[in-house]
PDB file of N, CA and C in Angstrom:
ATOM      1  N   MET A   1    -110.055  37.915  36.429  1.00  0.00           N
ATOM      2  CA  MET A   1    -110.094  36.339  35.756  1.00  0.00           C
ATOM      3  C   MET A   1    -108.215  36.119  35.676  1.00  0.00           C
ATOM      4  N   GLU A   2    -107.608  37.560  35.083  1.00  0.00           N
ATOM      5  CA  GLU A   2    -105.902  37.520  35.014  1.00  0.00           C
ATOM      6  C   GLU A   2    -105.344  36.328  36.177  1.00  0.00           C
ATOM      7  N   ASP A   3    -106.090  37.032  37.517  1.00  0.00           N
ATOM      8  CA  ASP A   3    -105.255  36.359  38.595  1.00  0.00           C
ATOM      9  C   ASP A   3    -105.493  34.862  38.613  1.00  0.00           C
ATOM     10  N   PHE A   4    -106.889  34.757  38.149  1.00  0.00           N
ATOM     11  CA  PHE A   4    -107.304  33.296  38.059  1.00  0.00           C
ATOM     12  C   PHE A   4    -106.358  32.410  37.384  1.00  0.00           C
ATOM     13  N   ALA A   5    -106.059  33.049  35.860  1.00  0.00           N
ATOM     14  CA  ALA A   5    -105.694  32.267  34.787  1.00  0.00           C
ATOM     15  C   ALA A   5    -103.903  32.183  35.105  1.00  0.00           C
ATOM     16  N   ARG A   6    -103.626  33.051  35.920  1.00  0.00           N
ATOM     17  CA  ARG A   6    -101.966  33.281  36.099  1.00  0.00           C
ATOM     18  C   ARG A   6    -101.853  31.367  37.132  1.00  0.00           C
ATOM     19  N   ALA A   7    -102.771  31.478  38.069  1.00  0.00           N
ATOM     20  CA  ALA A   7    -102.897  30.748  38.778  1.00  0.00           C
ATOM     21  C   ALA A   7    -102.864  29.661  38.490  1.00  0.00           C
ATOM     22  N   TRP A   8    -103.631  29.174  37.902  1.00  0.00           N
ATOM     23  CA  TRP A   8    -104.229  27.790  36.896  1.00  0.00           C
ATOM     24  C   TRP A   8    -102.964  27.298  35.795  1.00  0.00           C
ATOM     25  N   LYS A   9    -102.568  28.217  35.372  1.00  0.00           N
ATOM     26  CA  LYS A   9    -100.708  28.399  34.850  1.00  0.00           C
ATOM     27  C   LYS A   9     -99.846  27.485  35.697  1.00  0.00           C
ATOM     28  N   THR A  10     -99.833  28.573  36.524  1.00  0.00           N
ATOM     29  CA  THR A  10     -98.416  27.867  37.662  1.00  0.00           C
ATOM     30  C   THR A  10     -99.024  26.916  38.594  1.00  0.00           C
ATOM     31  N   GLY A  11    -100.379  26.922  38.773  1.00  0.00           N
ATOM     32  CA  GLY A  11    -100.338  26.141  39.797  1.00  0.00           C
ATOM     33  C   GLY A  11    -100.012  26.538  41.267  1.00  0.00           C
ATOM     34  N   LYS A  12     -99.945  27.892  41.418  1.00  0.00           N
ATOM     35  CA  LYS A  12     -99.877  28.786  42.478  1.00  0.00           C
ATOM     36  C   LYS A  12    -100.797  29.705  42.460  1.00  0.00           C
ATOM     37  N   PRO A  13    -101.560  29.918  44.135  1.00  0.00           N
ATOM     38  CA  PRO A  13    -102.317  30.810  44.354  1.00  0.00           C
ATOM     39  C   PRO A  13    -101.683  32.440  44.157  1.00  0.00           C
ATOM     40  N   GLU A  14    -102.562  33.467  43.640  1.00  0.00           N
ATOM     41  CA  GLU A  14    -102.126  34.358  44.053  1.00  0.00           C
ATOM     42  C   GLU A  14    -102.359  35.217  45.551  1.00  0.00           C
ATOM     43  N   LYS A  15    -101.139  35.421  46.303  1.00  0.00           N
ATOM     44  CA  LYS A  15    -101.323  36.142  47.493  1.00  0.00           C
ATOM     45  C   LYS A  15    -101.836  37.732  47.194  1.00  0.00           C
ATOM     46  N   SER A  16    -102.902  37.943  47.672  1.00  0.00           N
ATOM     47  CA  SER A  16    -103.267  39.215  47.707  1.00  0.00           C
ATOM     48  C   SER A  16    -104.496  39.323  48.485  1.00  0.00           C
ATOM     49  N   ALA A  17    -104.870  40.797  48.531  1.00  0.00           N
ATOM     50  CA  ALA A  17    -106.127  41.118  49.562  1.00  0.00           C
ATOM     51  C   ALA A  17    -106.555  42.348  48.706  1.00  0.00           C
ATOM     52  N   HIS A  18    -107.922  42.037  48.993  1.00  0.00           N
ATOM     53  CA  HIS A  18    -108.775  43.517  48.376  1.00  0.00           C
ATOM     54  C   HIS A  18    -109.484  44.149  49.530  1.00  0.00           C
ATOM     55  N   ILE A  19    -109.250  45.324  49.668  1.00  0.00           N
ATOM     56  CA  ILE A  19    -110.203  46.135  50.721  1.00  0.00           C
ATOM     57  C   ILE A  19    -110.798  47.119  49.668  1.00  0.00           C
ATOM     58  N   SER A  20    -111.940  47.321  50.060  1.00  0.00           N
ATOM     59  CA  SER A  20    -113.158  47.914  49.202  1.00  0.00           C
ATOM     60  C   SER A  20    -113.859  49.033  50.027  1.00  0.00           C
ATOM     61  N   PHE A  21    -114.186  50.312  49.621  1.00  0.00           N
ATOM     62  CA  PHE A  21    -115.114  51.017  50.498  1.00  0.00           C
ATOM     63  C   PHE A  21    -116.117  51.579  49.543  1.00  0.00           C
ATOM     64  N   ALA A  22    -117.424  51.976  49.416  1.00  0.00           N
ATOM     65  CA  ALA A  22    -118.593  52.041  49.432  1.00  0.00           C
ATOM     66  C   ALA A  22    -118.163  53.367  48.477  1.00  0.00           C
ATOM     67  N   THR A  23    -117.116  54.172  48.710  1.00  0.00           N
ATOM     68  CA  THR A  23    -117.614  55.535  48.078  1.00  0.00           C
ATOM     69  C   THR A  23    -115.937  55.977  47.646  1.00  0.00           C
ATOM     70  N   PRO A  24    -115.637  56.720  46.817  1.00  0.00           N
ATOM     71  CA  PRO A  24    -114.435  57.372  47.000  1.00  0.00           C
ATOM     72  C   PRO A  24    -114.339  58.040  47.958  1.00  0.00           C
ATOM     73  N   GLU A  25    -115.162  59.093  48.367  1.00  0.00           N
ATOM     74  CA  GLU A  25    -115.260  60.129  49.776  1.00  0.00           C
ATOM     75  C   GLU A  25    -114.656  58.870  51.037  1.00  0.00           C
ATOM     76  N   LEU A  26    -114.942  57.787  51.033  1.00  0.00           N
ATOM     77  CA  LEU A  26    -114.879  57.317  52.382  1.00  0.00           C
ATOM     78  C   LEU A  26    -113.418  56.687  52.374  1.00  0.00           C
ATOM     79  N   LEU A  27    -112.848  56.123  51.037  1.00  0.00           N
ATOM     80  CA  LEU A  27    -111.499  55.883  50.846  1.00  0.00           C
ATOM     81  C   LEU A  27    -110.754  57.252  51.310  1.00  0.00           C
ATOM     82  N   TRP A  28    -111.006  58.322  50.666  1.00  0.00           N
ATOM     83  CA  TRP A  28    -109.773  59.630  51.434  1.00  0.00           C
ATOM     84  C   TRP A  28    -110.447  59.702  52.635  1.00  0.00           C
ATOM     85  N   GLN A  29    -111.493  59.640  53.210  1.00  0.00           N
ATOM     86  CA  GLN A  29    -111.056  59.622  54.607  1.00  0.00           C
ATOM     87  C   GLN A  29    -110.486  58.747  55.554  1.00  0.00           C
ATOM     88  N   VAL A  30    -110.426  57.456  54.820  1.00  0.00           N
ATOM     89  CA  VAL A  30    -109.685  56.470  55.860  1.00  0.00           C
ATOM     90  C   VAL A  30    -108.396  56.856  55.326  1.00  0.00           C
ATOM     91  N   LEU A  31    -108.116  56.687  53.793  1.00  0.00           N
ATOM     92  CA  LEU A  31    -106.459  56.628  53.947  1.00  0.00           C
ATOM     93  C   LEU A  31    -106.370  58.435  53.131  1.00  0.00           C
ATOM     94  N   THR A  32    -106.349  59.185  54.272  1.00  0.00           N
ATOM     95  CA  THR A  32    -105.455  61.002  54.347  1.00  0.00           C
ATOM     96  C   THR A  32    -104.142  60.262  54.039  1.00  0.00           C
ATOM     97  N   ALA A  33    -103.837  61.426  53.702  1.00  0.00           N
ATOM     98  CA  ALA A  33    -102.415  62.365  53.210  1.00  0.00           C
ATOM     99  C   ALA A  33    -101.476  62.177  54.192  1.00  0.00           C
ATOM    100  N   LYS A  34    -101.852  62.444  55.825  1.00  0.00           N
ATOM    101  CA  LYS A  34    -101.067  61.657  56.933  1.00  0.00           C
ATOM    102  C   LYS A  34    -100.790  60.030  56.801  1.00  0.00           C
ATOM    103  N   ARG A  35    -101.971  59.747  56.722  1.00  0.00           N
ATOM    104  CA  ARG A  35    -102.293  58.031  56.973  1.00  0.00           C
ATOM    105  C   ARG A  35    -101.306  57.112  55.567  1.00  0.00           C
ATOM    106  N   TRP A  36    -101.399  58.034  54.395  1.00  0.00           N
ATOM    107  CA  TRP A  36    -100.334  57.249  53.082  1.00  0.00           C
ATOM    108  C   TRP A  36     -99.073  57.525  53.709  1.00  0.00           C
ATOM    109  N   GLU A  37     -98.792  58.796  54.053  1.00  0.00           N
ATOM    110  CA  GLU A  37     -97.065  59.027  54.574  1.00  0.00           C
ATOM    111  C   GLU A  37     -96.901  57.732  55.467  1.00  0.00           C
ATOM    112  N   LEU A  38     -97.903  57.498  56.416  1.00  0.00           N
ATOM    113  CA  LEU A  38     -97.456  56.287  57.571  1.00  0.00           C
ATOM    114  C   LEU A  38     -96.984  55.036  56.822  1.00  0.00           C
ATOM    115  N   LEU A  39     -98.225  54.151  56.252  1.00  0.00           N
ATOM    116  CA  LEU A  39     -98.160  53.580  55.154  1.00  0.00           C
ATOM    117  C   LEU A  39     -96.712  53.459  54.500  1.00  0.00           C
ATOM    118  N   LYS A  40     -95.948  54.584  53.627  1.00  0.00           N
ATOM    119  CA  LYS A  40     -95.363  54.413  53.061  1.00  0.00           C
ATOM    120  C   LYS A  40     -93.919  54.255  54.123  1.00  0.00           C
ATOM    121  N   ALA A  41     -93.915  54.628  54.957  1.00  0.00           N
ATOM    122  CA  ALA A  41     -93.033  54.421  55.664  1.00  0.00           C
ATOM    123  C   ALA A  41     -93.027  53.098  56.216  1.00  0.00           C
ATOM    124  N   LEU A  42     -94.288  52.363  56.799  1.00  0.00           N
ATOM    125  CA  LEU A  42     -93.768  51.124  57.089  1.00  0.00           C
ATOM    126  C   LEU A  42     -93.663  49.557  56.018  1.00  0.00           C
ATOM    127  N   CYS A  43     -93.989  50.103  54.762  1.00  0.00           N
ATOM    128  CA  CYS A  43     -94.063  49.240  53.712  1.00  0.00           C
ATOM    129  C   CYS A  43     -92.861  48.846  53.595  1.00  0.00           C
ATOM    130  N   GLY A  44     -92.691  47.276  53.587  1.00  0.00           N
ATOM    131  CA  GLY A  44     -91.772  46.488  53.522  1.00  0.00           C
ATOM    132  C   GLY A  44     -90.858  46.834  55.026  1.00  0.00           C
ATOM    133  N   ALA A  45     -90.731  47.425  55.880  1.00  0.00           N
ATOM    134  CA  ALA A  45     -90.472  47.335  57.537  1.00  0.00           C
ATOM    135  C   ALA A  45     -90.116  46.770  57.954  1.00  0.00           C
ATOM    136  N   GLY A  46     -91.586  45.479  57.949  1.00  0.00           N
ATOM    137  CA  GLY A  46     -91.568  44.466  59.070  1.00  0.00           C
ATOM    138  C   GLY A  46     -92.429  45.388  60.007  1.00  0.00           C
ATOM    139  N   PRO A  47     -92.571  44.027  61.418  1.00  0.00           N
ATOM    140  CA  PRO A  47     -92.934  45.126  62.355  1.00  0.00           C
ATOM    141  C   PRO A  47     -92.643  46.155  63.418  1.00  0.00           C
ATOM    142  N   VAL A  48     -93.345  47.120  63.642  1.00  0.00           N
ATOM    143  CA  VAL A  48     -92.797  47.853  63.994  1.00  0.00           C
ATOM    144  C   VAL A  48     -93.833  48.437  65.404  1.00  0.00           C
ATOM    145  N   SER A  49     -93.198  49.259  66.301  1.00  0.00           N
ATOM    146  CA  SER A  49     -93.968  49.882  67.457  1.00  0.00           C
ATOM    147  C   SER A  49     -94.675  50.969  66.935  1.00  0.00           C
ATOM    148  N   ILE A  50     -95.601  51.668  67.293  1.00  0.00           N
ATOM    149  CA  ILE A  50     -96.186  52.782  67.076  1.00  0.00           C
ATOM    150  C   ILE A  50     -95.109  54.122  67.248  1.00  0.00           C
ATOM    151  N   ARG A  51     -94.492  53.549  68.724  1.00  0.00           N
ATOM    152  CA  ARG A  51     -93.944  55.085  68.854  1.00  0.00           C
ATOM    153  C   ARG A  51     -92.689  55.049  67.533  1.00  0.00           C
ATOM    154  N   GLU A  52     -92.120  53.867  67.003  1.00  0.00           N
ATOM    155  CA  GLU A  52     -91.188  53.745  66.394  1.00  0.00           C
ATOM    156  C   GLU A  52     -92.179  54.760  64.637  1.00  0.00           C
ATOM    157  N   ALA A  53     -92.683  53.835  64.857  1.00  0.00           N
ATOM    158  CA  ALA A  53     -93.486  53.954  63.328  1.00  0.00           C
ATOM    159  C   ALA A  53     -93.971  55.904  63.258  1.00  0.00           C
ATOM    160  N   ALA A  54     -93.732  56.596  64.728  1.00  0.00           N
ATOM    161  CA  ALA A  54     -94.139  57.778  65.074  1.00  0.00           C
ATOM    162  C   ALA A  54     -92.913  58.676  64.481  1.00  0.00           C
ATOM    163  N   ARG A  55     -92.025  57.806  65.136  1.00  0.00           N
ATOM    164  CA  ARG A  55     -90.365  58.467  64.768  1.00  0.00           C
ATOM    165  C   ARG A  55     -90.162  58.563  62.988  1.00  0.00           C
ATOM    166  N   ARG A  56     -90.658  57.710  62.277  1.00  0.00           N
ATOM    167  CA  ARG A  56     -90.266  57.728  61.082  1.00  0.00           C
ATOM    168  C   ARG A  56     -90.942  58.547  59.906  1.00  0.00           C
ATOM    169  N   VAL A  57     -91.845  58.503  61.191  1.00  0.00           N
ATOM    170  CA  VAL A  57     -92.397  59.939  59.967  1.00  0.00           C
ATOM    171  C   VAL A  57     -92.635  61.197  60.560  1.00  0.00           C
ATOM    172  N   GLY A  58     -92.197  61.424  61.698  1.00  0.00           N
ATOM    173  CA  GLY A  58     -91.788  62.399  62.579  1.00  0.00           C
ATOM    174  C   GLY A  58     -92.949  63.435  62.740  1.00  0.00           C
ATOM    175  N   ARG A  59     -93.715  62.449  63.668  1.00  0.00           N
ATOM    176  CA  ARG A  59     -95.230  62.823  64.042  1.00  0.00           C
ATOM    177  C   ARG A  59     -95.355  62.327  65.671  1.00  0.00           C
ATOM    178  N   ASP A  60     -96.677  63.062  65.986  1.00  0.00           N
ATOM    179  CA  ASP A  60     -96.399  63.097  67.372  1.00  0.00           C
ATOM    180  C   ASP A  60     -97.448  61.374  67.827  1.00  0.00           C
ATOM    181  N   VAL A  61     -96.602  60.670  68.995  1.00  0.00           N
ATOM    182  CA  VAL A  61     -97.188  59.274  69.280  1.00  0.00           C
ATOM    183  C   VAL A  61     -98.740  59.164  68.982  1.00  0.00           C
ATOM    184  N   LYS A  62     -99.256  60.175  69.698  1.00  0.00           N
ATOM    185  CA  LYS A  62    -100.704  59.869  70.053  1.00  0.00           C
ATOM    186  C   LYS A  62    -101.520  60.148  68.285  1.00  0.00           C
ATOM    187  N   ALA A  63    -100.754  61.058  67.695  1.00  0.00           N
ATOM    188  CA  ALA A  63    -101.629  61.565  66.661  1.00  0.00           C
ATOM    189  C   ALA A  63    -101.185  60.284  65.643  1.00  0.00           C
ATOM    190  N   VAL A  64     -99.887  59.583  65.685  1.00  0.00           N
ATOM    191  CA  VAL A  64     -99.956  58.261  64.814  1.00  0.00           C
ATOM    192  C   VAL A  64    -100.853  57.398  65.450  1.00  0.00           C
ATOM    193  N   HIS A  65    -100.573  56.854  66.765  1.00  0.00           N
ATOM    194  CA  HIS A  65    -101.865  56.268  67.134  1.00  0.00           C
ATOM    195  C   HIS A  65    -103.409  56.218  66.721  1.00  0.00           C
ATOM    196  N   GLY A  66    -103.968  56.981  66.322  1.00  0.00           N
ATOM    197  CA  GLY A  66    -105.192  57.351  66.089  1.00  0.00           C
ATOM    198  C   GLY A  66    -105.092  57.082  64.941  1.00  0.00           C
ATOM    199  N   ASP A  67    -104.305  57.472  64.267  1.00  0.00           N
ATOM    200  CA  ASP A  67    -104.050  56.697  62.682  1.00  0.00           C
ATOM    201  C   ASP A  67    -104.389  55.270  62.523  1.00  0.00           C
ATOM    202  N   VAL A  68    -103.256  54.601  63.050  1.00  0.00           N
ATOM    203  CA  VAL A  68    -102.743  53.391  63.296  1.00  0.00           C
ATOM    204  C   VAL A  68    -104.407  52.627  63.723  1.00  0.00           C
ATOM    205  N   THR A  69    -105.149  52.886  64.415  1.00  0.00           N
ATOM    206  CA  THR A  69    -106.441  52.694  64.791  1.00  0.00           C
ATOM    207  C   THR A  69    -107.169  52.619  63.542  1.00  0.00           C
ATOM    208  N   ALA A  70    -107.208  53.546  62.799  1.00  0.00           N
ATOM    209  CA  ALA A  70    -108.088  53.696  62.017  1.00  0.00           C
ATOM    210  C   ALA A  70    -108.115  52.723  60.681  1.00  0.00           C
ATOM    211  N   LEU A  71    -106.240  52.441  60.620  1.00  0.00           N
ATOM    212  CA  LEU A  71    -105.723  51.737  59.639  1.00  0.00           C
ATOM    213  C   LEU A  71    -106.046  50.249  59.977  1.00  0.00           C
ATOM    214  N   LEU A  72    -105.818  49.857  61.458  1.00  0.00           N
ATOM    215  CA  LEU A  72    -105.971  48.709  61.665  1.00  0.00           C
ATOM    216  C   LEU A  72    -107.361  48.468  61.428  1.00  0.00           C
ATOM    217  N   ASN A  73    -108.493  49.158  61.819  1.00  0.00           N
ATOM    218  CA  ASN A  73    -110.254  49.071  61.980  1.00  0.00           C
ATOM    219  C   ASN A  73    -110.209  48.707  60.230  1.00  0.00           C
ATOM    220  N   ALA A  74    -109.387  49.784  59.695  1.00  0.00           N
ATOM    221  CA  ALA A  74    -109.960  49.490  57.925  1.00  0.00           C
ATOM    222  C   ALA A  74    -109.144  47.950  57.495  1.00  0.00           C
ATOM    223  N   GLY A  75    -108.725  47.360  58.225  1.00  0.00           N
ATOM    224  CA  GLY A  75    -107.859  46.280  57.328  1.00  0.00           C
ATOM    225  C   GLY A  75    -106.222  46.274  56.665  1.00  0.00           C
ATOM    226  N   VAL A  76    -105.917  47.524  56.950  1.00  0.00           N
ATOM    227  CA  VAL A  76    -104.948  47.990  56.038  1.00  0.00           C
ATOM    228  C   VAL A  76    -103.430  47.578  57.132  1.00  0.00           C
ATOM    229  N   LEU A  77    -103.760  48.297  58.290  1.00  0.00           N
ATOM    230  CA  LEU A  77    -102.349  47.605  58.792  1.00  0.00           C
ATOM    231  C   LEU A  77    -103.333  45.888  59.919  1.00  0.00           C
ATOM    232  N   ASP A  78    -101.988  45.439  60.156  1.00  0.00           N
ATOM    233  CA  ASP A  78    -102.223  44.375  61.248  1.00  0.00           C
ATOM    234  C   ASP A  78    -101.233  44.041  62.625  1.00  0.00           C
ATOM    235  N   ARG A  79    -101.828  43.935  63.264  1.00  0.00           N
ATOM    236  CA  ARG A  79    -101.239  43.547  64.739  1.00  0.00           C
ATOM    237  C   ARG A  79    -100.276  42.691  64.521  1.00  0.00           C
ATOM    238  N   ALA A  80     -98.865  43.332  64.440  1.00  0.00           N
ATOM    239  CA  ALA A  80     -97.959  41.640  65.035  1.00  0.00           C
ATOM    240  C   ALA A  80     -97.962  40.577  65.456  1.00  0.00           C
ATOM    241  N   GLU A  81     -97.629  39.246  66.063  1.00  0.00           N
ATOM    242  CA  GLU A  81     -97.592  38.537  66.979  1.00  0.00           C
ATOM    243  C   GLU A  81     -96.640  39.126  68.461  1.00  0.00           C
ATOM    244  N   GLY A  82     -95.669  39.948  68.084  1.00  0.00           N
ATOM    245  CA  GLY A  82     -94.813  39.994  68.983  1.00  0.00           C
ATOM    246  C   GLY A  82     -94.697  41.198  69.614  1.00  0.00           C
ATOM    247  N   GLY A  83     -96.202  41.761  69.537  1.00  0.00           N
ATOM    248  CA  GLY A  83     -96.352  43.262  69.465  1.00  0.00           C
ATOM    249  C   GLY A  83     -96.467  44.397  68.309  1.00  0.00           C
ATOM    250  N   GLY A  84     -95.966  45.289  68.462  1.00  0.00           N
ATOM    251  CA  GLY A  84     -96.391  46.819  67.624  1.00  0.00           C
ATOM    252  C   GLY A  84     -97.464  46.281  66.027  1.00  0.00           C
ATOM    253  N   ILE A  85     -96.763  47.088  65.174  1.00  0.00           N
ATOM    254  CA  ILE A  85     -98.101  46.952  64.137  1.00  0.00           C
ATOM    255  C   ILE A  85     -97.315  46.204  62.487  1.00  0.00           C
ATOM    256  N   ILE A  86     -97.871  46.036  61.880  1.00  0.00           N
ATOM    257  CA  ILE A  86     -97.094  45.349  60.607  1.00  0.00           C
ATOM    258  C   ILE A  86     -98.376  45.763  59.346  1.00  0.00           C
ATOM    259  N   PHE A  87     -97.784  46.083  58.327  1.00  0.00           N
ATOM    260  CA  PHE A  87     -98.473  46.477  57.306  1.00  0.00           C
ATOM    261  C   PHE A  87     -97.913  45.139  56.276  1.00  0.00           C
ATOM    262  N   PRO A  88     -98.927  44.277  55.827  1.00  0.00           N
ATOM    263  CA  PRO A  88     -98.693  42.963  55.535  1.00  0.00           C
ATOM    264  C   PRO A  88     -98.754  42.787  53.918  1.00  0.00           C
ATOM    265  N   PHE A  89     -98.463  43.942  53.507  1.00  0.00           N
ATOM    266  CA  PHE A  89     -98.694  43.941  51.722  1.00  0.00           C
ATOM    267  C   PHE A  89     -97.494  44.355  51.123  1.00  0.00           C
ATOM    268  N   GLU A  90     -97.149  43.630  50.249  1.00  0.00           N
ATOM    269  CA  GLU A  90     -95.783  44.196  49.345  1.00  0.00           C
ATOM    270  C   GLU A  90     -96.024  46.064  48.161  1.00  0.00           C
ATOM    271  N   ALA A  91     -97.318  46.232  48.113  1.00  0.00           N
ATOM    272  CA  ALA A  91     -97.938  47.030  47.499  1.00  0.00           C
ATOM    273  C   ALA A  91     -99.192  47.571  47.709  1.00  0.00           C
ATOM    274  N   VAL A  92     -99.448  48.409  47.285  1.00  0.00           N
ATOM    275  CA  VAL A  92    -101.171  49.111  47.503  1.00  0.00           C
ATOM    276  C   VAL A  92    -101.288  49.316  46.046  1.00  0.00           C
ATOM    277  N   LYS A  93    -102.586  49.035  45.581  1.00  0.00           N
ATOM    278  CA  LYS A  93    -103.089  49.848  44.321  1.00  0.00           C
ATOM    279  C   LYS A  93    -104.534  49.801  44.480  1.00  0.00           C
ATOM    280  N   VAL A  94    -104.553  51.901  44.241  1.00  0.00           N
ATOM    281  CA  VAL A  94    -105.602  52.634  44.389  1.00  0.00           C
ATOM    282  C   VAL A  94    -106.600  52.406  43.264  1.00  0.00           C
ATOM    283  N   GLU A  95    -107.935  51.638  42.751  1.00  0.00           N
ATOM    284  CA  GLU A  95    -108.592  52.337  42.269  1.00  0.00           C
ATOM    285  C   GLU A  95    -110.477  52.231  42.192  1.00  0.00           C
ATOM    286  N   PHE A  96    -110.479  53.203  41.109  1.00  0.00           N
ATOM    287  CA  PHE A  96    -111.825  53.581  41.486  1.00  0.00           C
ATOM    288  C   PHE A  96    -112.247  54.239  39.933  1.00  0.00           C
ATOM    289  N   LEU A  97    -113.566  53.956  39.623  1.00  0.00           N
ATOM    290  CA  LEU A  97    -114.642  54.377  38.728  1.00  0.00           C
ATOM    291  C   LEU A  97    -115.268  55.454  38.644  1.00  0.00           C
ATOM    292  N   LEU A  98    -115.201  56.396  37.646  1.00  0.00           N
ATOM    293  CA  LEU A  98    -115.764  57.616  37.672  1.00  0.00           C
ATOM    294  C   LEU A  98    -116.583  57.485  36.596  1.00  0.00           C
ATOM    295  N   LYS A  99    -118.103  57.519  36.700  1.00  0.00           N
ATOM    296  CA  LYS A  99    -119.148  57.537  35.600  1.00  0.00           C
ATOM    297  C   LYS A  99    -119.749  58.669  35.805  1.00  0.00           C
ATOM    298  N   ALA A 100    -120.048  58.868  33.961  1.00  0.00           N
ATOM    299  CA  ALA A 100    -121.487  60.019  34.488  1.00  0.00           C
ATOM    300  C   ALA A 100    -122.664  59.718  34.410  1.00  0.00           C
ATOM    301  N   ALA A 101    -123.305  60.831  35.416  1.00  0.00           N
ATOM    302  CA  ALA A 101    -124.363  60.630  35.764  1.00  0.00           C
ATOM    303  C   ALA A 101    -125.188  59.705  35.261  1.00  0.00           C
TER     304      ALA A 101
END
């Protein structure tokens, strides 16, 4: 409701996206430590090639390609118009709820 109220007051819609995972285990399966490191390297970088992404994180191109494919399938990364990949968000907020059984 906060986003709606802010958009109503300013007259400008909030530009955000939400990606949900069915379980926290699935979240951690998709956002592994290596993939999180990759996202940090891509945040704010604009479009880059997979080779350049691999160079930025100091990893093998083939391994980064596998991670990029998983992140593209999850909707976390996008393909850039001129080729390469892009992290289209300014920030990431990870939120989950743990309740007693």
